[in-house]
């Protein structure tokens, strides 16, 4: 489909849709309005003879006056925006369904901002949606070997945003919308690490960066990566990075 994004859209409606509670199948057609959805569940979307799997972290964009069928597997929630695009500007071709991968977390932030702004500031909502549309239009299309599993990408994005907070495998799984058993399995297969090991690795990589590139105290660095106990932080640095926080800072340069 073709998008023209040189002017902010008119947002007619935005919210969180809850479906699949009373029926496993819905049909939508919006005269004159585009449908933008960011999904938190598994299901399917079909337009005519074309069927597109829905997965957490996938985003769809359906043109106006198009009959679309949604198939659910139980209670299903997604962000939705109904909008009107303006004529003119540079044309961009965008697939109906895309895997937003690691970008799904930022898309969710933009759409969440649009939903909350809509009642009092439609112009702010339009600006947030405009940013989201540009991100959707510029998502990578490569489906080759470098493409990450969408659930793993979504989990990694959530972890990256919450490194300073307490994190557990059930926390991450809940944010992605799957069971912790399923997350553990796909995460290990994709990355070669357990979720716990990945969280530890990312915390210590960020800690190393802060130790070498900032004037934050070692106590503040530990807190910034979610390890408030200094003894535990010291032990984790030695195990993961091969040196104490003081020695890492004294080295004065990044190490592999």
Foldseek 3Di string as FASTA:
>chain_A
DKAFQPDFWQWPDKDKDKDQAPDQKDKDAAAQKKKKKQWLAWWWKDFVPDIDTDFHQKMFIGDHRTIMMTGHDHITMIIMIITHGDDDHDMFDADGMDRLQLNSVVLVVLRVQLNVCVVPHSPSSSVSVSVSVVSRRPRDPDPDPPDADRLLSQLVSVLVVQQLADDDLCVSCVSSNHGSVVVQVRNCVGPVDGPVVVSLQVLLVQLLCCLQPHPDDNCVSCNNRNNNDQVVQQVSCCVNVVHGSVVSSVVNDDDD
